Structures are given as C-alpha cells and as structure tokens.
PDB file of N, CA and C in Angstrom:
ATOM      1  N   MET A   1     -26.903 -31.381  62.911  1.00  0.00           N
ATOM      2  CA  MET A   1     -26.264 -30.447  63.826  1.00  0.00           C
ATOM      3  C   MET A   1     -24.758 -30.497  63.637  1.00  0.00           C
ATOM      4  N   ASN A   2     -24.152 -29.347  63.740  1.00  0.00           N
ATOM      5  CA  ASN A   2     -22.704 -29.258  63.606  1.00  0.00           C
ATOM      6  C   ASN A   2     -22.113 -28.900  64.962  1.00  0.00           C
ATOM      7  N   SER A   3     -21.669 -29.896  65.693  1.00  0.00           N
ATOM      8  CA  SER A   3     -21.180 -29.716  67.047  1.00  0.00           C
ATOM      9  C   SER A   3     -19.808 -29.051  67.063  1.00  0.00           C
ATOM     10  N   LYS A   4     -19.571 -28.271  68.102  1.00  0.00           N
ATOM     11  CA  LYS A   4     -18.267 -27.661  68.318  1.00  0.00           C
ATOM     12  C   LYS A   4     -17.288 -28.668  68.911  1.00  0.00           C
ATOM     13  N   PHE A   5     -17.813 -29.749  69.471  1.00  0.00           N
ATOM     14  CA  PHE A   5     -16.995 -30.767  70.102  1.00  0.00           C
ATOM     15  C   PHE A   5     -16.915 -31.985  69.193  1.00  0.00           C
ATOM     16  N   LYS A   6     -15.712 -32.395  68.888  1.00  0.00           N
ATOM     17  CA  LYS A   6     -15.499 -33.562  68.036  1.00  0.00           C
ATOM     18  C   LYS A   6     -15.006 -34.715  68.900  1.00  0.00           C
ATOM     19  N   LEU A   7     -15.647 -35.845  68.755  1.00  0.00           N
ATOM     20  CA  LEU A   7     -15.252 -37.045  69.482  1.00  0.00           C
ATOM     21  C   LEU A   7     -14.629 -38.036  68.519  1.00  0.00           C
ATOM     22  N   HIS A   8     -13.664 -38.806  69.008  1.00  0.00           N
ATOM     23  CA  HIS A   8     -13.135 -39.902  68.211  1.00  0.00           C
ATOM     24  C   HIS A   8     -14.257 -40.909  68.006  1.00  0.00           C
ATOM     25  N   ALA A   9     -14.261 -41.549  66.872  1.00  0.00           N
ATOM     26  CA  ALA A   9     -15.326 -42.500  66.524  1.00  0.00           C
ATOM     27  C   ALA A   9     -15.478 -43.586  67.576  1.00  0.00           C
ATOM     28  N   ASP A  10     -14.364 -44.103  68.088  1.00  0.00           N
ATOM     29  CA  ASP A  10     -14.429 -45.161  69.100  1.00  0.00           C
ATOM     30  C   ASP A  10     -15.073 -44.654  70.391  1.00  0.00           C
ATOM     31  N   LYS A  11     -14.721 -43.443  70.787  1.00  0.00           N
ATOM     32  CA  LYS A  11     -15.275 -42.866  72.011  1.00  0.00           C
ATOM     33  C   LYS A  11     -16.767 -42.603  71.848  1.00  0.00           C
ATOM     34  N   LYS A  12     -17.165 -42.102  70.677  1.00  0.00           N
ATOM     35  CA  LYS A  12     -18.585 -41.831  70.437  1.00  0.00           C
ATOM     36  C   LYS A  12     -19.379 -43.136  70.475  1.00  0.00           C
ATOM     37  N   LYS A  13     -18.837 -44.180  69.876  1.00  0.00           N
ATOM     38  CA  LYS A  13     -19.518 -45.480  69.878  1.00  0.00           C
ATOM     39  C   LYS A  13     -19.659 -45.996  71.307  1.00  0.00           C
ATOM     40  N   GLU A  14     -18.627 -45.817  72.111  1.00  0.00           N
ATOM     41  CA  GLU A  14     -18.656 -46.230  73.516  1.00  0.00           C
ATOM     42  C   GLU A  14     -19.735 -45.452  74.281  1.00  0.00           C
ATOM     43  N   MET A  15     -19.843 -44.161  74.016  1.00  0.00           N
ATOM     44  CA  MET A  15     -20.851 -43.340  74.690  1.00  0.00           C
ATOM     45  C   MET A  15     -22.266 -43.745  74.272  1.00  0.00           C
ATOM     46  N   ILE A  16     -22.447 -44.047  73.004  1.00  0.00           N
ATOM     47  CA  ILE A  16     -23.748 -44.493  72.506  1.00  0.00           C
ATOM     48  C   ILE A  16     -24.141 -45.802  73.192  1.00  0.00           C
ATOM     49  N   SER A  17     -23.210 -46.714  73.297  1.00  0.00           N
ATOM     50  CA  SER A  17     -23.472 -47.980  73.992  1.00  0.00           C
ATOM     51  C   SER A  17     -23.817 -47.729  75.457  1.00  0.00           C
ATOM     52  N   SER A  18     -23.153 -46.774  76.059  1.00  0.00           N
ATOM     53  CA  SER A  18     -23.416 -46.436  77.455  1.00  0.00           C
ATOM     54  C   SER A  18     -24.821 -45.878  77.635  1.00  0.00           C
ATOM     55  N   ILE A  19     -25.265 -45.048  76.716  1.00  0.00           N
ATOM     56  CA  ILE A  19     -26.628 -44.505  76.760  1.00  0.00           C
ATOM     57  C   ILE A  19     -27.639 -45.638  76.618  1.00  0.00           C
ATOM     58  N   GLN A  20     -27.387 -46.542  75.689  1.00  0.00           N
ATOM     59  CA  GLN A  20     -28.292 -47.680  75.506  1.00  0.00           C
ATOM     60  C   GLN A  20     -28.351 -48.533  76.771  1.00  0.00           C
ATOM     61  N   ALA A  21     -27.204 -48.772  77.386  1.00  0.00           N
ATOM     62  CA  ALA A  21     -27.153 -49.574  78.611  1.00  0.00           C
ATOM     63  C   ALA A  21     -27.896 -48.862  79.740  1.00  0.00           C
ATOM     64  N   TYR A  22     -27.756 -47.559  79.827  1.00  0.00           N
ATOM     65  CA  TYR A  22     -28.460 -46.792  80.854  1.00  0.00           C
ATOM     66  C   TYR A  22     -29.971 -46.961  80.709  1.00  0.00           C
ATOM     67  N   PHE A  23     -30.466 -46.772  79.503  1.00  0.00           N
ATOM     68  CA  PHE A  23     -31.908 -46.901  79.281  1.00  0.00           C
ATOM     69  C   PHE A  23     -32.402 -48.307  79.630  1.00  0.00           C
ATOM     70  N   LEU A  24     -31.619 -49.299  79.286  1.00  0.00           N
ATOM     71  CA  LEU A  24     -32.018 -50.674  79.568  1.00  0.00           C
ATOM     72  C   LEU A  24     -32.013 -50.948  81.072  1.00  0.00           C
ATOM     73  N   GLU A  25     -30.962 -50.518  81.765  1.00  0.00           N
ATOM     74  CA  GLU A  25     -30.824 -50.797  83.194  1.00  0.00           C
ATOM     75  C   GLU A  25     -31.745 -49.945  84.059  1.00  0.00           C
ATOM     76  N   GLU A  26     -31.826 -48.657  83.757  1.00  0.00           N
ATOM     77  CA  GLU A  26     -32.552 -47.740  84.623  1.00  0.00           C
ATOM     78  C   GLU A  26     -34.023 -47.580  84.261  1.00  0.00           C
ATOM     79  N   ARG A  27     -34.330 -47.706  82.982  1.00  0.00           N
ATOM     80  CA  ARG A  27     -35.702 -47.461  82.540  1.00  0.00           C
ATOM     81  C   ARG A  27     -36.368 -48.698  81.944  1.00  0.00           C
ATOM     82  N   GLU A  28     -35.600 -49.781  81.873  1.00  0.00           N
ATOM     83  CA  GLU A  28     -36.071 -51.021  81.274  1.00  0.00           C
ATOM     84  C   GLU A  28     -36.643 -50.789  79.875  1.00  0.00           C
ATOM     85  N   GLU A  29     -35.947 -49.932  79.128  1.00  0.00           N
ATOM     86  CA  GLU A  29     -36.310 -49.616  77.746  1.00  0.00           C
ATOM     87  C   GLU A  29     -35.119 -49.900  76.848  1.00  0.00           C
ATOM     88  N   GLU A  30     -35.393 -50.493  75.721  1.00  0.00           N
ATOM     89  CA  GLU A  30     -34.339 -50.650  74.720  1.00  0.00           C
ATOM     90  C   GLU A  30     -34.473 -49.511  73.731  1.00  0.00           C
ATOM     91  N   ILE A  31     -33.377 -48.817  73.512  1.00  0.00           N
ATOM     92  CA  ILE A  31     -33.385 -47.793  72.471  1.00  0.00           C
ATOM     93  C   ILE A  31     -32.341 -48.174  71.439  1.00  0.00           C
ATOM     94  N   GLY A  32     -32.608 -47.838  70.226  1.00  0.00           N
ATOM     95  CA  GLY A  32     -31.698 -48.178  69.141  1.00  0.00           C
ATOM     96  C   GLY A  32     -30.499 -47.253  69.076  1.00  0.00           C
ATOM     97  N   GLU A  33     -29.603 -47.601  68.199  1.00  0.00           N
ATOM     98  CA  GLU A  33     -28.384 -46.808  68.028  1.00  0.00           C
ATOM     99  C   GLU A  33     -28.701 -45.400  67.540  1.00  0.00           C
ATOM    100  N   LEU A  34     -29.671 -45.268  66.639  1.00  0.00           N
ATOM    101  CA  LEU A  34     -30.032 -43.940  66.134  1.00  0.00           C
ATOM    102  C   LEU A  34     -30.557 -43.056  67.254  1.00  0.00           C
ATOM    103  N   ALA A  35     -31.468 -43.579  68.073  1.00  0.00           N
ATOM    104  CA  ALA A  35     -32.016 -42.792  69.180  1.00  0.00           C
ATOM    105  C   ALA A  35     -30.918 -42.400  70.166  1.00  0.00           C
ATOM    106  N   ALA A  36     -30.026 -43.316  70.479  1.00  0.00           N
ATOM    107  CA  ALA A  36     -28.924 -43.026  71.399  1.00  0.00           C
ATOM    108  C   ALA A  36     -27.975 -41.990  70.796  1.00  0.00           C
ATOM    109  N   THR A  37     -27.741 -42.082  69.499  1.00  0.00           N
ATOM    110  CA  THR A  37     -26.871 -41.113  68.822  1.00  0.00           C
ATOM    111  C   THR A  37     -27.492 -39.725  68.856  1.00  0.00           C
ATOM    112  N   LEU A  38     -28.786 -39.641  68.590  1.00  0.00           N
ATOM    113  CA  LEU A  38     -29.467 -38.343  68.621  1.00  0.00           C
ATOM    114  C   LEU A  38     -29.453 -37.745  70.022  1.00  0.00           C
ATOM    115  N   LEU A  39     -29.618 -38.587  71.036  1.00  0.00           N
ATOM    116  CA  LEU A  39     -29.558 -38.109  72.409  1.00  0.00           C
ATOM    117  C   LEU A  39     -28.158 -37.612  72.749  1.00  0.00           C
ATOM    118  N   LEU A  40     -27.147 -38.359  72.348  1.00  0.00           N
ATOM    119  CA  LEU A  40     -25.765 -37.934  72.583  1.00  0.00           C
ATOM    120  C   LEU A  40     -25.482 -36.618  71.870  1.00  0.00           C
ATOM    121  N   ASP A  41     -25.920 -36.493  70.634  1.00  0.00           N
ATOM    122  CA  ASP A  41     -25.717 -35.242  69.890  1.00  0.00           C
ATOM    123  C   ASP A  41     -26.389 -34.067  70.603  1.00  0.00           C
ATOM    124  N   PHE A  42     -27.585 -34.298  71.143  1.00  0.00           N
ATOM    125  CA  PHE A  42     -28.271 -33.254  71.901  1.00  0.00           C
ATOM    126  C   PHE A  42     -27.441 -32.843  73.113  1.00  0.00           C
ATOM    127  N   PHE A  43     -26.952 -33.833  73.872  1.00  0.00           N
ATOM    128  CA  PHE A  43     -26.135 -33.528  75.047  1.00  0.00           C
ATOM    129  C   PHE A  43     -24.896 -32.737  74.658  1.00  0.00           C
ATOM    130  N   ILE A  44     -24.251 -33.152  73.596  1.00  0.00           N
ATOM    131  CA  ILE A  44     -23.031 -32.479  73.156  1.00  0.00           C
ATOM    132  C   ILE A  44     -23.322 -31.044  72.743  1.00  0.00           C
ATOM    133  N   ASP A  45     -24.378 -30.852  71.970  1.00  0.00           N
ATOM    134  CA  ASP A  45     -24.685 -29.515  71.455  1.00  0.00           C
ATOM    135  C   ASP A  45     -25.273 -28.583  72.505  1.00  0.00           C
ATOM    136  N   GLU A  46     -26.113 -29.108  73.372  1.00  0.00           N
ATOM    137  CA  GLU A  46     -26.851 -28.256  74.302  1.00  0.00           C
ATOM    138  C   GLU A  46     -26.250 -28.187  75.703  1.00  0.00           C
ATOM    139  N   LEU A  47     -25.658 -29.262  76.185  1.00  0.00           N
ATOM    140  CA  LEU A  47     -25.199 -29.308  77.567  1.00  0.00           C
ATOM    141  C   LEU A  47     -23.684 -29.225  77.721  1.00  0.00           C
ATOM    142  N   ALA A  48     -22.958 -29.836  76.817  1.00  0.00           N
ATOM    143  CA  ALA A  48     -21.493 -29.889  76.933  1.00  0.00           C
ATOM    144  C   ALA A  48     -20.843 -28.507  77.023  1.00  0.00           C
ATOM    145  N   PRO A  49     -21.310 -27.503  76.272  1.00  0.00           N
ATOM    146  CA  PRO A  49     -20.659 -26.190  76.383  1.00  0.00           C
ATOM    147  C   PRO A  49     -20.668 -25.629  77.809  1.00  0.00           C
ATOM    148  N   GLU A  50     -21.729 -25.873  78.562  1.00  0.00           N
ATOM    149  CA  GLU A  50     -21.779 -25.406  79.949  1.00  0.00           C
ATOM    150  C   GLU A  50     -20.693 -26.057  80.787  1.00  0.00           C
ATOM    151  N   PHE A  51     -20.563 -27.385  80.655  1.00  0.00           N
ATOM    152  CA  PHE A  51     -19.542 -28.097  81.424  1.00  0.00           C
ATOM    153  C   PHE A  51     -18.137 -27.702  80.970  1.00  0.00           C
ATOM    154  N   TYR A  52     -17.972 -27.495  79.682  1.00  0.00           N
ATOM    155  CA  TYR A  52     -16.684 -27.057  79.147  1.00  0.00           C
ATOM    156  C   TYR A  52     -16.308 -25.696  79.741  1.00  0.00           C
ATOM    157  N   ASN A  53     -17.272 -24.791  79.725  1.00  0.00           N
ATOM    158  CA  ASN A  53     -17.003 -23.454  80.267  1.00  0.00           C
ATOM    159  C   ASN A  53     -16.705 -23.497  81.754  1.00  0.00           C
ATOM    160  N   LEU A  54     -17.368 -24.372  82.500  1.00  0.00           N
ATOM    161  CA  LEU A  54     -17.050 -24.536  83.919  1.00  0.00           C
ATOM    162  C   LEU A  54     -15.626 -25.048  84.101  1.00  0.00           C
ATOM    163  N   GLY A  55     -15.208 -25.955  83.253  1.00  0.00           N
ATOM    164  CA  GLY A  55     -13.839 -26.465  83.304  1.00  0.00           C
ATOM    165  C   GLY A  55     -12.822 -25.375  83.021  1.00  0.00           C
ATOM    166  N   ILE A  56     -13.125 -24.534  82.038  1.00  0.00           N
ATOM    167  CA  ILE A  56     -12.235 -23.406  81.724  1.00  0.00           C
ATOM    168  C   ILE A  56     -12.146 -22.455  82.919  1.00  0.00           C
ATOM    169  N   GLU A  57     -13.296 -22.141  83.505  1.00  0.00           N
ATOM    170  CA  GLU A  57     -13.323 -21.238  84.660  1.00  0.00           C
ATOM    171  C   GLU A  57     -12.550 -21.824  85.837  1.00  0.00           C
ATOM    172  N   ASP A  58     -12.746 -23.114  86.101  1.00  0.00           N
ATOM    173  CA  ASP A  58     -12.007 -23.770  87.192  1.00  0.00           C
ATOM    174  C   ASP A  58     -10.503 -23.744  86.920  1.00  0.00           C
ATOM    175  N   SER A  59     -10.114 -23.984  85.684  1.00  0.00           N
ATOM    176  CA  SER A  59      -8.693 -23.952  85.318  1.00  0.00           C
ATOM    177  C   SER A  59      -8.118 -22.561  85.511  1.00  0.00           C
ATOM    178  N   TYR A  60      -8.879 -21.559  85.134  1.00  0.00           N
ATOM    179  CA  TYR A  60      -8.444 -20.169  85.291  1.00  0.00           C
ATOM    180  C   TYR A  60      -8.182 -19.843  86.763  1.00  0.00           C
ATOM    181  N   HIS A  61      -9.132 -20.228  87.630  1.00  0.00           N
ATOM    182  CA  HIS A  61      -8.962 -19.964  89.062  1.00  0.00           C
ATOM    183  C   HIS A  61      -7.782 -20.746  89.631  1.00  0.00           C
ATOM    184  N   PHE A  62      -7.624 -21.987  89.200  1.00  0.00           N
ATOM    185  CA  PHE A  62      -6.502 -22.802  89.657  1.00  0.00           C
ATOM    186  C   PHE A  62      -5.167 -22.162  89.271  1.00  0.00           C
ATOM    187  N   MET A  63      -5.063 -21.731  88.009  1.00  0.00           N
ATOM    188  CA  MET A  63      -3.814 -21.125  87.548  1.00  0.00           C
ATOM    189  C   MET A  63      -3.544 -19.798  88.260  1.00  0.00           C
ATOM    190  N   ASN A  64      -4.579 -19.024  88.520  1.00  0.00           N
ATOM    191  CA  ASN A  64      -4.386 -17.771  89.254  1.00  0.00           C
ATOM    192  C   ASN A  64      -3.862 -18.023  90.660  1.00  0.00           C
ATOM    193  N   GLU A  65      -4.379 -19.051  91.315  1.00  0.00           N
ATOM    194  CA  GLU A  65      -3.887 -19.399  92.647  1.00  0.00           C
ATOM    195  C   GLU A  65      -2.422 -19.809  92.591  1.00  0.00           C
ATOM    196  N   ARG A  66      -2.031 -20.561  91.566  1.00  0.00           N
ATOM    197  CA  ARG A  66      -0.633 -20.980  91.442  1.00  0.00           C
ATOM    198  C   ARG A  66       0.269 -19.772  91.181  1.00  0.00           C
ATOM    199  N   LEU A  67      -0.220 -18.814  90.386  1.00  0.00           N
ATOM    200  CA  LEU A  67       0.567 -17.603  90.133  1.00  0.00           C
ATOM    201  C   LEU A  67       0.740 -16.791  91.413  1.00  0.00           C
ATOM    202  N   GLU A  68      -0.295 -16.728  92.227  1.00  0.00           N
ATOM    203  CA  GLU A  68      -0.181 -16.028  93.509  1.00  0.00           C
ATOM    204  C   GLU A  68       0.863 -16.719  94.386  1.00  0.00           C
ATOM    205  N   ASP A  69       0.872 -18.057  94.372  1.00  0.00           N
ATOM    206  CA  ASP A  69       1.882 -18.804  95.124  1.00  0.00           C
ATOM    207  C   ASP A  69       3.280 -18.463  94.621  1.00  0.00           C
ATOM    208  N   LEU A  70       3.419 -18.324  93.314  1.00  0.00           N
ATOM    209  CA  LEU A  70       4.706 -18.003  92.713  1.00  0.00           C
ATOM    210  C   LEU A  70       5.167 -16.602  93.143  1.00  0.00           C
ATOM    211  N   PHE A  71       4.260 -15.633  93.109  1.00  0.00           N
ATOM    212  CA  PHE A  71       4.615 -14.270  93.531  1.00  0.00           C
ATOM    213  C   PHE A  71       4.966 -14.228  95.001  1.00  0.00           C
ATOM    214  N   ALA A  72       4.386 -15.082  95.803  1.00  0.00           N
ATOM    215  CA  ALA A  72       4.677 -15.123  97.239  1.00  0.00           C
ATOM    216  C   ALA A  72       6.113 -15.560  97.501  1.00  0.00           C
ATOM    217  N   MET A  73       6.731 -16.209  96.535  1.00  0.00           N
ATOM    218  CA  MET A  73       8.094 -16.685  96.697  1.00  0.00           C
ATOM    219  C   MET A  73       9.126 -15.597  96.435  1.00  0.00           C
ATOM    220  N   GLN A  74       8.694 -14.445  95.950  1.00  0.00           N
ATOM    221  CA  GLN A  74       9.631 -13.351  95.667  1.00  0.00           C
ATOM    222  C   GLN A  74      10.338 -12.915  96.941  1.00  0.00           C
ATOM    223  N   LYS A  75      11.583 -12.507  96.781  1.00  0.00           N
ATOM    224  CA  LYS A  75      12.380 -12.045  97.934  1.00  0.00           C
ATOM    225  C   LYS A  75      12.628 -10.573  97.835  1.00  0.00           C
TER     226      LYS A  75
END
C-alpha cells in the first residue's frame, strides 16, 4: 500500500509498539511486529483520511470565526 501519510521511522516504530502493547494488555494476545505494522498501515490508509479531513474542517471553521472577530473590529 502506498499511504498518503508519511510517518517518521521513529514515530512509526513507537506506534507499532503501542499496538502490540494494546493487544497484550487488552486482549491478552501477543502479536508480532509484522501484524502490528499491517494493522497500522490499514489504519493509516483507511481511517486516517477521515480524521485528517475532520481536522481540516475544524481548522477552517476556527479560522472563519477568527476572521469574523477581525471584521468586528472595523470602525
């Protein structure tokens, strides 16, 4: 898969470790690095764009509110 989101190698490794820890703590299952990497890649490719787009939309609304505040200062 060719993801639109690029992670630094250190951050990706940290996320993979976090997925492994989650499975161990919450499901009492050990998963290997490959399985955790594939799961992370799935999340990045399939789910991350939705959260990214929500962030863009929230930023847009925030900036519009600030612009309205700026126009309110006109004399």
